[in-house]
Amino acid sequence: MGFLNFDQEGFGAGAEQLNVEPDDLASNRAFVELACQQLANHKSMQGFPKRWATNRSLGGTDSYVFSGSRLFREQRLPSVTFF
């Protein structure tokens, strides 16, 4: 159990990459590591991003609604956003 928010709200002029956030919450660590492994394993496949980065907690995505809840904190459930 956990929460994955896939957010594609717009297109920017910055780096064209997938961002995985947040990577600094202990409850997210295993999920973020697995996501990065899968991205690395599939980066040459059509439909997968060629570049990605993980970000510390920035507080701007829906994943924080869940990660801040009592249920998620007590059970140490992952709550991650891909954008």
PDB file of N, CA and C in Angstrom:
ATOM      1  N   MET A   1       0.842  -1.167   0.000  1.00  0.00           N
ATOM      2  CA  MET A   1       0.000   0.000   0.000  1.00  0.00           C
ATOM      3  C   MET A   1       0.890   1.233   0.000  1.00  0.00           C
ATOM      4  N   GLY A   2       0.451   2.269  -0.652  1.00  0.00           N
ATOM      5  CA  GLY A   2       1.175   3.513  -0.735  1.00  0.00           C
ATOM      6  C   GLY A   2       0.459   4.430  -1.695  1.00  0.00           C
ATOM      7  N   PHE A   3       1.084   5.528  -2.069  1.00  0.00           N
ATOM      8  CA  PHE A   3       0.487   6.504  -2.972  1.00  0.00           C
ATOM      9  C   PHE A   3       1.511   6.911  -4.011  1.00  0.00           C
ATOM     10  N   LEU A   4       1.121   6.844  -5.290  1.00  0.00           N
ATOM     11  CA  LEU A   4       1.953   7.304  -6.391  1.00  0.00           C
ATOM     12  C   LEU A   4       1.157   8.345  -7.152  1.00  0.00           C
ATOM     13  N   ASN A   5       1.667   9.555  -7.208  1.00  0.00           N
ATOM     14  CA  ASN A   5       1.038  10.654  -7.934  1.00  0.00           C
ATOM     15  C   ASN A   5       1.841  10.885  -9.201  1.00  0.00           C
ATOM     16  N   PHE A   6       1.218  10.671 -10.362  1.00  0.00           N
ATOM     17  CA  PHE A   6       1.868  10.962 -11.638  1.00  0.00           C
ATOM     18  C   PHE A   6       1.313  12.293 -12.106  1.00  0.00           C
ATOM     19  N   ASP A   7       2.116  13.331 -12.083  1.00  0.00           N
ATOM     20  CA  ASP A   7       1.675  14.694 -12.320  1.00  0.00           C
ATOM     21  C   ASP A   7       2.303  15.238 -13.583  1.00  0.00           C
ATOM     22  N   GLN A   8       1.488  15.522 -14.580  1.00  0.00           N
ATOM     23  CA  GLN A   8       1.961  16.125 -15.826  1.00  0.00           C
ATOM     24  C   GLN A   8       1.137  17.380 -16.037  1.00  0.00           C
ATOM     25  N   GLU A   9       1.479  18.410 -15.258  1.00  0.00           N
ATOM     26  CA  GLU A   9       0.654  19.611 -15.304  1.00  0.00           C
ATOM     27  C   GLU A   9       1.074  20.615 -16.357  1.00  0.00           C
ATOM     28  N   GLY A  10       2.228  20.481 -16.908  1.00  0.00           N
ATOM     29  CA  GLY A  10       2.642  21.457 -17.903  1.00  0.00           C
ATOM     30  C   GLY A  10       3.983  21.104 -18.503  1.00  0.00           C
ATOM     31  N   PHE A  11       4.446  21.944 -19.375  1.00  0.00           N
ATOM     32  CA  PHE A  11       5.729  21.746 -20.043  1.00  0.00           C
ATOM     33  C   PHE A  11       6.562  22.987 -19.786  1.00  0.00           C
ATOM     34  N   GLY A  12       7.769  22.802 -19.325  1.00  0.00           N
ATOM     35  CA  GLY A  12       8.643  23.931 -19.026  1.00  0.00           C
ATOM     36  C   GLY A  12       9.819  24.001 -19.976  1.00  0.00           C
ATOM     37  N   ALA A  13      10.563  25.055 -19.868  1.00  0.00           N
ATOM     38  CA  ALA A  13      11.738  25.250 -20.715  1.00  0.00           C
ATOM     39  C   ALA A  13      12.991  24.662 -20.086  1.00  0.00           C
ATOM     40  N   GLY A  14      12.862  24.120 -18.887  1.00  0.00           N
ATOM     41  CA  GLY A  14      14.014  23.544 -18.197  1.00  0.00           C
ATOM     42  C   GLY A  14      14.358  22.176 -18.730  1.00  0.00           C
ATOM     43  N   ALA A  15      15.018  21.415 -17.927  1.00  0.00           N
ATOM     44  CA  ALA A  15      15.440  20.072 -18.322  1.00  0.00           C
ATOM     45  C   ALA A  15      14.240  19.190 -18.629  1.00  0.00           C
ATOM     46  N   GLU A  16      14.302  18.476 -19.723  1.00  0.00           N
ATOM     47  CA  GLU A  16      13.257  17.522 -20.058  1.00  0.00           C
ATOM     48  C   GLU A  16      13.630  16.214 -19.380  1.00  0.00           C
ATOM     49  N   GLN A  17      13.066  16.004 -18.203  1.00  0.00           N
ATOM     50  CA  GLN A  17      13.388  14.816 -17.428  1.00  0.00           C
ATOM     51  C   GLN A  17      12.216  14.491 -16.527  1.00  0.00           C
ATOM     52  N   LEU A  18      12.212  13.283 -16.035  1.00  0.00           N
ATOM     53  CA  LEU A  18      11.243  12.860 -15.038  1.00  0.00           C
ATOM     54  C   LEU A  18      11.843  13.141 -13.665  1.00  0.00           C
ATOM     55  N   ASN A  19      11.075  13.755 -12.797  1.00  0.00           N
ATOM     56  CA  ASN A  19      11.512  14.016 -11.429  1.00  0.00           C
ATOM     57  C   ASN A  19      10.756  13.096 -10.488  1.00  0.00           C
ATOM     58  N   VAL A  20      11.440  12.543  -9.529  1.00  0.00           N
ATOM     59  CA  VAL A  20      10.858  11.655  -8.526  1.00  0.00           C
ATOM     60  C   VAL A  20      11.040  12.353  -7.184  1.00  0.00           C
ATOM     61  N   GLU A  21       9.925  12.595  -6.491  1.00  0.00           N
ATOM     62  CA  GLU A  21       9.966  13.395  -5.268  1.00  0.00           C
ATOM     63  C   GLU A  21       8.996  12.838  -4.236  1.00  0.00           C
ATOM     64  N   PRO A  22       9.364  12.860  -2.978  1.00  0.00           N
ATOM     65  CA  PRO A  22      10.629  13.210  -2.367  1.00  0.00           C
ATOM     66  C   PRO A  22      11.500  11.982  -2.122  1.00  0.00           C
ATOM     67  N   ASP A  23      12.800  12.180  -2.182  1.00  0.00           N
ATOM     68  CA  ASP A  23      13.724  11.074  -1.949  1.00  0.00           C
ATOM     69  C   ASP A  23      14.315  11.085  -0.544  1.00  0.00           C
ATOM     70  N   ASP A  24      13.948  12.078   0.267  1.00  0.00           N
ATOM     71  CA  ASP A  24      14.558  12.189   1.595  1.00  0.00           C
ATOM     72  C   ASP A  24      13.640  11.748   2.745  1.00  0.00           C
ATOM     73  N   LEU A  25      12.500  11.135   2.433  1.00  0.00           N
ATOM     74  CA  LEU A  25      11.655  10.561   3.473  1.00  0.00           C
ATOM     75  C   LEU A  25      11.984   9.076   3.591  1.00  0.00           C
ATOM     76  N   ALA A  26      12.259   8.617   4.783  1.00  0.00           N
ATOM     77  CA  ALA A  26      12.658   7.219   4.990  1.00  0.00           C
ATOM     78  C   ALA A  26      11.630   6.251   4.425  1.00  0.00           C
ATOM     79  N   SER A  27      10.364   6.568   4.536  1.00  0.00           N
ATOM     80  CA  SER A  27       9.311   5.659   4.056  1.00  0.00           C
ATOM     81  C   SER A  27       9.302   5.550   2.533  1.00  0.00           C
ATOM     82  N   ASN A  28       9.929   6.482   1.835  1.00  0.00           N
ATOM     83  CA  ASN A  28       9.961   6.463   0.368  1.00  0.00           C
ATOM     84  C   ASN A  28      11.222   5.834  -0.198  1.00  0.00           C
ATOM     85  N   ARG A  29      12.237   5.650   0.623  1.00  0.00           N
ATOM     86  CA  ARG A  29      13.561   5.273   0.132  1.00  0.00           C
ATOM     87  C   ARG A  29      13.530   4.032  -0.764  1.00  0.00           C
ATOM     88  N   ALA A  30      12.917   2.947  -0.330  1.00  0.00           N
ATOM     89  CA  ALA A  30      12.915   1.702  -1.113  1.00  0.00           C
ATOM     90  C   ALA A  30      12.172   1.887  -2.428  1.00  0.00           C
ATOM     91  N   PHE A  31      11.053   2.613  -2.402  1.00  0.00           N
ATOM     92  CA  PHE A  31      10.286   2.827  -3.631  1.00  0.00           C
ATOM     93  C   PHE A  31      11.072   3.682  -4.623  1.00  0.00           C
ATOM     94  N   VAL A  32      11.704   4.753  -4.141  1.00  0.00           N
ATOM     95  CA  VAL A  32      12.486   5.625  -5.018  1.00  0.00           C
ATOM     96  C   VAL A  32      13.658   4.856  -5.626  1.00  0.00           C
ATOM     97  N   GLU A  33      14.329   4.030  -4.836  1.00  0.00           N
ATOM     98  CA  GLU A  33      15.441   3.226  -5.359  1.00  0.00           C
ATOM     99  C   GLU A  33      14.958   2.250  -6.424  1.00  0.00           C
ATOM    100  N   LEU A  34      13.827   1.597  -6.190  1.00  0.00           N
ATOM    101  CA  LEU A  34      13.266   0.673  -7.183  1.00  0.00           C
ATOM    102  C   LEU A  34      12.880   1.412  -8.457  1.00  0.00           C
ATOM    103  N   ALA A  35      12.255   2.572  -8.315  1.00  0.00           N
ATOM    104  CA  ALA A  35      11.878   3.362  -9.489  1.00  0.00           C
ATOM    105  C   ALA A  35      13.108   3.732 -10.310  1.00  0.00           C
ATOM    106  N   CYS A  36      14.179   4.151  -9.654  1.00  0.00           N
ATOM    107  CA  CYS A  36      15.406   4.516 -10.363  1.00  0.00           C
ATOM    108  C   CYS A  36      16.041   3.318 -11.056  1.00  0.00           C
ATOM    109  N   GLN A  37      15.993   2.160 -10.424  1.00  0.00           N
ATOM    110  CA  GLN A  37      16.510   0.947 -11.062  1.00  0.00           C
ATOM    111  C   GLN A  37      15.725   0.635 -12.334  1.00  0.00           C
ATOM    112  N   GLN A  38      14.405   0.746 -12.261  1.00  0.00           N
ATOM    113  CA  GLN A  38      13.576   0.458 -13.428  1.00  0.00           C
ATOM    114  C   GLN A  38      13.797   1.495 -14.526  1.00  0.00           C
ATOM    115  N   LEU A  39      13.927   2.743 -14.155  1.00  0.00           N
ATOM    116  CA  LEU A  39      14.216   3.776 -15.149  1.00  0.00           C
ATOM    117  C   LEU A  39      15.550   3.497 -15.838  1.00  0.00           C
ATOM    118  N   ALA A  40      16.552   3.101 -15.083  1.00  0.00           N
ATOM    119  CA  ALA A  40      17.861   2.784 -15.663  1.00  0.00           C
ATOM    120  C   ALA A  40      17.770   1.572 -16.584  1.00  0.00           C
ATOM    121  N   ASN A  41      16.996   0.578 -16.186  1.00  0.00           N
ATOM    122  CA  ASN A  41      16.865  -0.640 -16.990  1.00  0.00           C
ATOM    123  C   ASN A  41      16.113  -0.415 -18.292  1.00  0.00           C
ATOM    124  N   HIS A  42      15.284   0.615 -18.353  1.00  0.00           N
ATOM    125  CA  HIS A  42      14.424   0.830 -19.515  1.00  0.00           C
ATOM    126  C   HIS A  42      14.681   2.147 -20.247  1.00  0.00           C
ATOM    127  N   LYS A  43      15.764   2.842 -19.935  1.00  0.00           N
ATOM    128  CA  LYS A  43      15.954   4.184 -20.486  1.00  0.00           C
ATOM    129  C   LYS A  43      16.091   4.216 -22.001  1.00  0.00           C
ATOM    130  N   SER A  44      16.480   3.127 -22.621  1.00  0.00           N
ATOM    131  CA  SER A  44      16.604   3.120 -24.079  1.00  0.00           C
ATOM    132  C   SER A  44      15.307   2.705 -24.771  1.00  0.00           C
ATOM    133  N   MET A  45      14.296   2.357 -23.991  1.00  0.00           N
ATOM    134  CA  MET A  45      13.018   1.925 -24.570  1.00  0.00           C
ATOM    135  C   MET A  45      12.123   3.124 -24.870  1.00  0.00           C
ATOM    136  N   GLN A  46      11.412   3.039 -25.974  1.00  0.00           N
ATOM    137  CA  GLN A  46      10.490   4.099 -26.348  1.00  0.00           C
ATOM    138  C   GLN A  46       9.447   4.288 -25.244  1.00  0.00           C
ATOM    139  N   GLY A  47       9.172   5.543 -24.914  1.00  0.00           N
ATOM    140  CA  GLY A  47       8.186   5.857 -23.895  1.00  0.00           C
ATOM    141  C   GLY A  47       8.757   6.077 -22.507  1.00  0.00           C
ATOM    142  N   PHE A  48      10.009   5.685 -22.308  1.00  0.00           N
ATOM    143  CA  PHE A  48      10.663   5.905 -21.016  1.00  0.00           C
ATOM    144  C   PHE A  48      11.569   7.130 -21.127  1.00  0.00           C
ATOM    145  N   PRO A  49      11.659   7.909 -20.065  1.00  0.00           N
ATOM    146  CA  PRO A  49      12.523   9.102 -20.124  1.00  0.00           C
ATOM    147  C   PRO A  49      13.994   8.722 -20.219  1.00  0.00           C
ATOM    148  N   LYS A  50      14.729   9.518 -20.950  1.00  0.00           N
ATOM    149  CA  LYS A  50      16.172   9.292 -21.058  1.00  0.00           C
ATOM    150  C   LYS A  50      16.898   9.858 -19.840  1.00  0.00           C
ATOM    151  N   ARG A  51      16.292  10.856 -19.187  1.00  0.00           N
ATOM    152  CA  ARG A  51      16.898  11.480 -18.013  1.00  0.00           C
ATOM    153  C   ARG A  51      15.875  11.561 -16.888  1.00  0.00           C
ATOM    154  N   TRP A  52      16.377  11.443 -15.677  1.00  0.00           N
ATOM    155  CA  TRP A  52      15.531  11.586 -14.505  1.00  0.00           C
ATOM    156  C   TRP A  52      16.380  12.056 -13.344  1.00  0.00           C
ATOM    157  N   ALA A  53      15.695  12.536 -12.323  1.00  0.00           N
ATOM    158  CA  ALA A  53      16.383  12.988 -11.111  1.00  0.00           C
ATOM    159  C   ALA A  53      15.458  12.760  -9.926  1.00  0.00           C
ATOM    160  N   THR A  54      16.054  12.571  -8.768  1.00  0.00           N
ATOM    161  CA  THR A  54      15.259  12.514  -7.551  1.00  0.00           C
ATOM    162  C   THR A  54      15.450  13.840  -6.819  1.00  0.00           C
ATOM    163  N   ASN A  55      14.430  14.242  -6.097  1.00  0.00           N
ATOM    164  CA  ASN A  55      14.440  15.527  -5.405  1.00  0.00           C
ATOM    165  C   ASN A  55      14.112  15.329  -3.936  1.00  0.00           C
ATOM    166  N   ARG A  56      14.714  16.160  -3.107  1.00  0.00           N
ATOM    167  CA  ARG A  56      14.358  16.169  -1.688  1.00  0.00           C
ATOM    168  C   ARG A  56      12.935  16.732  -1.550  1.00  0.00           C
ATOM    169  N   SER A  57      12.405  16.682  -0.363  1.00  0.00           N
ATOM    170  CA  SER A  57      11.055  17.188  -0.102  1.00  0.00           C
ATOM    171  C   SER A  57      10.966  18.665  -0.448  1.00  0.00           C
ATOM    172  N   LEU A  58      10.104  18.991  -1.385  1.00  0.00           N
ATOM    173  CA  LEU A  58       9.880  20.371  -1.769  1.00  0.00           C
ATOM    174  C   LEU A  58       8.505  20.859  -1.326  1.00  0.00           C
ATOM    175  N   GLY A  59       7.614  19.916  -0.996  1.00  0.00           N
ATOM    176  CA  GLY A  59       6.314  20.258  -0.439  1.00  0.00           C
ATOM    177  C   GLY A  59       5.268  20.736  -1.418  1.00  0.00           C
ATOM    178  N   GLY A  60       5.469  20.543  -2.708  1.00  0.00           N
ATOM    179  CA  GLY A  60       4.532  21.105  -3.674  1.00  0.00           C
ATOM    180  C   GLY A  60       3.639  20.124  -4.404  1.00  0.00           C
ATOM    181  N   THR A  61       3.640  18.863  -4.063  1.00  0.00           N
ATOM    182  CA  THR A  61       2.822  17.903  -4.804  1.00  0.00           C
ATOM    183  C   THR A  61       1.832  17.205  -3.884  1.00  0.00           C
ATOM    184  N   ASP A  62       0.874  16.529  -4.493  1.00  0.00           N
ATOM    185  CA  ASP A  62      -0.172  15.842  -3.724  1.00  0.00           C
ATOM    186  C   ASP A  62       0.358  14.732  -2.833  1.00  0.00           C
ATOM    187  N   SER A  63       1.548  14.236  -3.086  1.00  0.00           N
ATOM    188  CA  SER A  63       2.070  13.154  -2.249  1.00  0.00           C
ATOM    189  C   SER A  63       2.188  13.588  -0.793  1.00  0.00           C
ATOM    190  N   TYR A  64       2.358  14.885  -0.554  1.00  0.00           N
ATOM    191  CA  TYR A  64       2.504  15.370   0.820  1.00  0.00           C
ATOM    192  C   TYR A  64       1.198  15.314   1.603  1.00  0.00           C
ATOM    193  N   VAL A  65       0.072  15.343   0.910  1.00  0.00           N
ATOM    194  CA  VAL A  65      -1.219  15.183   1.584  1.00  0.00           C
ATOM    195  C   VAL A  65      -1.248  13.817   2.258  1.00  0.00           C
ATOM    196  N   PHE A  66      -0.743  12.804   1.560  1.00  0.00           N
ATOM    197  CA  PHE A  66      -0.747  11.449   2.101  1.00  0.00           C
ATOM    198  C   PHE A  66       0.393  11.222   3.079  1.00  0.00           C
ATOM    199  N   SER A  67       1.608  11.632   2.724  1.00  0.00           N
ATOM    200  CA  SER A  67       2.752  11.350   3.592  1.00  0.00           C
ATOM    201  C   SER A  67       2.620  12.036   4.946  1.00  0.00           C
ATOM    202  N   GLY A  68       1.866  13.106   5.014  1.00  0.00           N
ATOM    203  CA  GLY A  68       1.662  13.792   6.278  1.00  0.00           C
ATOM    204  C   GLY A  68       0.546  13.227   7.125  1.00  0.00           C
ATOM    205  N   SER A  69      -0.211  12.281   6.571  1.00  0.00           N
ATOM    206  CA  SER A  69      -1.341  11.727   7.322  1.00  0.00           C
ATOM    207  C   SER A  69      -0.860  10.736   8.387  1.00  0.00           C
ATOM    208  N   ARG A  70      -1.642  10.583   9.400  1.00  0.00           N
ATOM    209  CA  ARG A  70      -1.288   9.680  10.500  1.00  0.00           C
ATOM    210  C   ARG A  70      -1.082   8.247  10.005  1.00  0.00           C
ATOM    211  N   LEU A  71      -1.994   7.759   9.158  1.00  0.00           N
ATOM    212  CA  LEU A  71      -1.890   6.396   8.630  1.00  0.00           C
ATOM    213  C   LEU A  71      -0.553   6.176   7.932  1.00  0.00           C
ATOM    214  N   PHE A  72      -0.153   7.088   7.063  1.00  0.00           N
ATOM    215  CA  PHE A  72       1.095   6.935   6.311  1.00  0.00           C
ATOM    216  C   PHE A  72       2.305   7.053   7.223  1.00  0.00           C
ATOM    217  N   ARG A  73       2.266   7.992   8.174  1.00  0.00           N
ATOM    218  CA  ARG A  73       3.401   8.145   9.094  1.00  0.00           C
ATOM    219  C   ARG A  73       3.565   6.914   9.969  1.00  0.00           C
ATOM    220  N   GLU A  74       2.477   6.428  10.558  1.00  0.00           N
ATOM    221  CA  GLU A  74       2.571   5.296  11.487  1.00  0.00           C
ATOM    222  C   GLU A  74       2.967   4.009  10.781  1.00  0.00           C
ATOM    223  N   GLN A  75       2.462   3.784   9.572  1.00  0.00           N
ATOM    224  CA  GLN A  75       2.774   2.546   8.847  1.00  0.00           C
ATOM    225  C   GLN A  75       3.967   2.712   7.916  1.00  0.00           C
ATOM    226  N   ARG A  76       4.558   3.892   7.911  1.00  0.00           N
ATOM    227  CA  ARG A  76       5.714   4.183   7.058  1.00  0.00           C
ATOM    228  C   ARG A  76       5.461   3.799   5.606  1.00  0.00           C
ATOM    229  N   LEU A  77       4.305   4.240   5.098  1.00  0.00           N
ATOM    230  CA  LEU A  77       3.923   3.942   3.721  1.00  0.00           C
ATOM    231  C   LEU A  77       4.557   4.964   2.775  1.00  0.00           C
ATOM    232  N   PRO A  78       4.949   4.521   1.574  1.00  0.00           N
ATOM    233  CA  PRO A  78       5.523   5.456   0.617  1.00  0.00           C
ATOM    234  C   PRO A  78       4.465   6.366   0.018  1.00  0.00           C
ATOM    235  N   SER A  79       4.861   7.579  -0.282  1.00  0.00           N
ATOM    236  CA  SER A  79       4.006   8.545  -0.951  1.00  0.00           C
ATOM    237  C   SER A  79       4.909   9.395  -1.833  1.00  0.00           C
ATOM    238  N   VAL A  80       4.863   9.125  -3.146  1.00  0.00           N
ATOM    239  CA  VAL A  80       5.838   9.673  -4.085  1.00  0.00           C
ATOM    240  C   VAL A  80       5.119  10.310  -5.267  1.00  0.00           C
ATOM    241  N   THR A  81       5.703  11.360  -5.808  1.00  0.00           N
ATOM    242  CA  THR A  81       5.197  11.986  -7.033  1.00  0.00           C
ATOM    243  C   THR A  81       6.234  11.852  -8.140  1.00  0.00           C
ATOM    244  N   PHE A  82       5.768  11.482  -9.326  1.00  0.00           N
ATOM    245  CA  PHE A  82       6.572  11.535 -10.554  1.00  0.00           C
ATOM    246  C   PHE A  82       6.054  12.729 -11.342  1.00  0.00           C
ATOM    247  N   PHE A  83       6.943  13.622 -11.738  1.00  0.00           N
ATOM    248  CA  PHE A  83       6.503  14.741 -12.587  1.00  0.00           C
ATOM    249  C   PHE A  83       7.596  15.109 -13.570  1.00  0.00           C
TER     250      PHE A  83
END
